[in-house]
Amino acid sequence: MTVDDEKAKGHVALKGFFGICREWGCTQEEMMQLLGGVSRSTLAQYQEVSPVIFRHPG
């Protein structure tokens, strides 16, 4: 697995996480705790994840 594949998986995971949090109405503090006690600045960086572009492997 390449670094790009791992990065894409991380983007997908974060987008899914924030989608669930939006549906559940989580606060910033709750999201920070769910992500392992990250800081507000780290949470903000995670929220700015660029879109994932999926390519067919062929």
N, C-alpha and C. Protein backbone atom coordinates (compact mmCIF):
# COMPACT_ATOMS: atom_id res chain seq x y z
N MET A 1 0.85 -1.17 0.00
CA MET A 1 0.00 0.00 0.00
C MET A 1 0.90 1.25 0.00
N THR A 2 0.58 2.20 -0.86
CA THR A 2 1.40 3.40 -0.97
C THR A 2 0.96 4.46 0.03
N VAL A 3 1.79 5.47 0.17
CA VAL A 3 1.48 6.59 1.06
C VAL A 3 0.22 7.29 0.59
N ASP A 4 0.06 7.43 -0.73
CA ASP A 4 -1.14 8.08 -1.28
C ASP A 4 -2.40 7.30 -0.91
N ASP A 5 -2.31 5.96 -0.94
CA ASP A 5 -3.47 5.14 -0.55
C ASP A 5 -3.82 5.36 0.91
N GLU A 6 -2.81 5.41 1.76
CA GLU A 6 -3.05 5.63 3.18
C GLU A 6 -3.64 7.01 3.42
N LYS A 7 -3.15 8.00 2.70
CA LYS A 7 -3.67 9.36 2.83
C LYS A 7 -5.14 9.42 2.40
N ALA A 8 -5.46 8.74 1.32
CA ALA A 8 -6.85 8.71 0.83
C ALA A 8 -7.76 8.04 1.85
N LYS A 9 -7.29 6.96 2.46
CA LYS A 9 -8.09 6.28 3.49
C LYS A 9 -8.34 7.21 4.67
N GLY A 10 -7.33 7.98 5.06
CA GLY A 10 -7.49 8.93 6.16
C GLY A 10 -8.52 9.99 5.83
N HIS A 11 -8.49 10.48 4.59
CA HIS A 11 -9.46 11.50 4.16
C HIS A 11 -10.87 10.95 4.21
N VAL A 12 -11.05 9.73 3.72
CA VAL A 12 -12.37 9.10 3.73
C VAL A 12 -12.86 8.93 5.16
N ALA A 13 -11.96 8.47 6.03
CA ALA A 13 -12.34 8.25 7.44
C ALA A 13 -12.76 9.56 8.10
N LEU A 14 -12.00 10.63 7.87
CA LEU A 14 -12.34 11.91 8.48
C LEU A 14 -13.66 12.46 7.94
N LYS A 15 -13.86 12.33 6.63
CA LYS A 15 -15.12 12.81 6.06
C LYS A 15 -16.30 12.04 6.64
N GLY A 16 -16.14 10.73 6.82
CA GLY A 16 -17.19 9.93 7.43
C GLY A 16 -17.43 10.34 8.87
N PHE A 17 -16.34 10.55 9.61
CA PHE A 17 -16.43 10.97 11.00
C PHE A 17 -17.21 12.27 11.12
N PHE A 18 -16.84 13.27 10.33
CA PHE A 18 -17.50 14.57 10.43
C PHE A 18 -18.94 14.51 9.94
N GLY A 19 -19.23 13.65 8.98
CA GLY A 19 -20.61 13.46 8.54
C GLY A 19 -21.48 12.90 9.65
N ILE A 20 -20.95 11.90 10.36
CA ILE A 20 -21.68 11.32 11.49
C ILE A 20 -21.87 12.37 12.59
N CYS A 21 -20.82 13.09 12.89
CA CYS A 21 -20.91 14.12 13.94
C CYS A 21 -21.93 15.19 13.59
N ARG A 22 -21.99 15.55 12.31
CA ARG A 22 -22.98 16.55 11.88
C ARG A 22 -24.39 15.99 12.08
N GLU A 23 -24.62 14.74 11.70
CA GLU A 23 -25.94 14.12 11.87
C GLU A 23 -26.33 14.01 13.34
N TRP A 24 -25.39 13.72 14.20
CA TRP A 24 -25.65 13.54 15.62
C TRP A 24 -25.66 14.86 16.39
N GLY A 25 -25.23 15.94 15.75
CA GLY A 25 -25.22 17.24 16.41
C GLY A 25 -24.11 17.38 17.45
N CYS A 26 -22.97 16.76 17.19
CA CYS A 26 -21.84 16.82 18.15
C CYS A 26 -21.27 18.24 18.22
N THR A 27 -20.85 18.61 19.40
CA THR A 27 -20.17 19.89 19.61
C THR A 27 -18.69 19.74 19.25
N GLN A 28 -17.99 20.87 19.14
CA GLN A 28 -16.55 20.82 18.89
C GLN A 28 -15.83 20.07 19.99
N GLU A 29 -16.23 20.30 21.22
CA GLU A 29 -15.60 19.63 22.35
C GLU A 29 -15.79 18.12 22.27
N GLU A 30 -16.99 17.69 21.88
CA GLU A 30 -17.24 16.26 21.74
C GLU A 30 -16.40 15.65 20.62
N MET A 31 -16.32 16.35 19.51
CA MET A 31 -15.50 15.87 18.40
C MET A 31 -14.03 15.77 18.80
N MET A 32 -13.55 16.76 19.53
CA MET A 32 -12.16 16.75 19.99
C MET A 32 -11.89 15.53 20.87
N GLN A 33 -12.83 15.22 21.75
CA GLN A 33 -12.67 14.06 22.63
C GLN A 33 -12.76 12.75 21.84
N LEU A 34 -13.69 12.67 20.92
CA LEU A 34 -13.84 11.46 20.11
C LEU A 34 -12.60 11.18 19.25
N LEU A 35 -11.88 12.22 18.89
CA LEU A 35 -10.65 12.06 18.11
C LEU A 35 -9.42 11.88 18.99
N GLY A 36 -9.63 11.61 20.26
CA GLY A 36 -8.51 11.31 21.15
C GLY A 36 -8.00 12.48 21.95
N GLY A 37 -8.82 13.50 22.10
CA GLY A 37 -8.41 14.66 22.89
C GLY A 37 -7.53 15.64 22.11
N VAL A 38 -7.79 15.77 20.81
CA VAL A 38 -6.99 16.69 19.99
C VAL A 38 -7.31 18.14 20.35
N SER A 39 -6.42 19.03 19.96
CA SER A 39 -6.61 20.46 20.22
C SER A 39 -7.58 21.05 19.20
N ARG A 40 -8.04 22.28 19.48
CA ARG A 40 -8.94 22.96 18.54
C ARG A 40 -8.26 23.18 17.19
N SER A 41 -6.97 23.51 17.22
CA SER A 41 -6.26 23.76 15.96
C SER A 41 -6.14 22.47 15.13
N THR A 42 -5.92 21.34 15.79
CA THR A 42 -5.85 20.07 15.08
C THR A 42 -7.22 19.71 14.51
N LEU A 43 -8.28 19.92 15.28
CA LEU A 43 -9.63 19.67 14.80
C LEU A 43 -9.91 20.52 13.56
N ALA A 44 -9.50 21.78 13.59
CA ALA A 44 -9.72 22.67 12.45
C ALA A 44 -8.96 22.16 11.23
N GLN A 45 -7.75 21.66 11.42
CA GLN A 45 -6.99 21.10 10.30
C GLN A 45 -7.69 19.87 9.73
N TYR A 46 -8.19 19.02 10.59
CA TYR A 46 -8.90 17.82 10.15
C TYR A 46 -10.16 18.20 9.38
N GLN A 47 -10.81 19.28 9.78
CA GLN A 47 -12.06 19.69 9.12
C GLN A 47 -11.80 20.28 7.73
N GLU A 48 -10.56 20.64 7.45
CA GLU A 48 -10.22 21.23 6.15
C GLU A 48 -9.67 20.20 5.17
N VAL A 49 -9.99 18.94 5.39
CA VAL A 49 -9.49 17.87 4.53
C VAL A 49 -9.99 18.09 3.11
N SER A 50 -9.07 17.95 2.16
CA SER A 50 -9.45 18.14 0.76
C SER A 50 -10.26 16.95 0.27
N PRO A 51 -11.04 17.16 -0.79
CA PRO A 51 -11.87 16.06 -1.30
C PRO A 51 -11.01 14.90 -1.79
N VAL A 52 -11.55 13.71 -1.67
CA VAL A 52 -10.86 12.52 -2.14
C VAL A 52 -11.29 12.22 -3.56
N ILE A 53 -10.32 11.94 -4.41
CA ILE A 53 -10.61 11.60 -5.79
C ILE A 53 -10.26 10.13 -5.97
N PHE A 54 -11.26 9.34 -6.29
CA PHE A 54 -11.04 7.92 -6.49
C PHE A 54 -10.72 7.65 -7.96
N ARG A 55 -9.70 6.86 -8.18
CA ARG A 55 -9.31 6.49 -9.53
C ARG A 55 -9.48 4.99 -9.70
N HIS A 56 -9.96 4.61 -10.85
CA HIS A 56 -10.10 3.18 -11.16
C HIS A 56 -8.69 2.63 -11.43
N PRO A 57 -8.35 1.50 -10.80
CA PRO A 57 -6.99 0.97 -10.92
C PRO A 57 -6.71 0.29 -12.26
N GLY A 58 -7.25 0.77 -13.31
CA GLY A 58 -6.98 0.08 -14.57
C GLY A 58 -6.85 0.96 -15.70
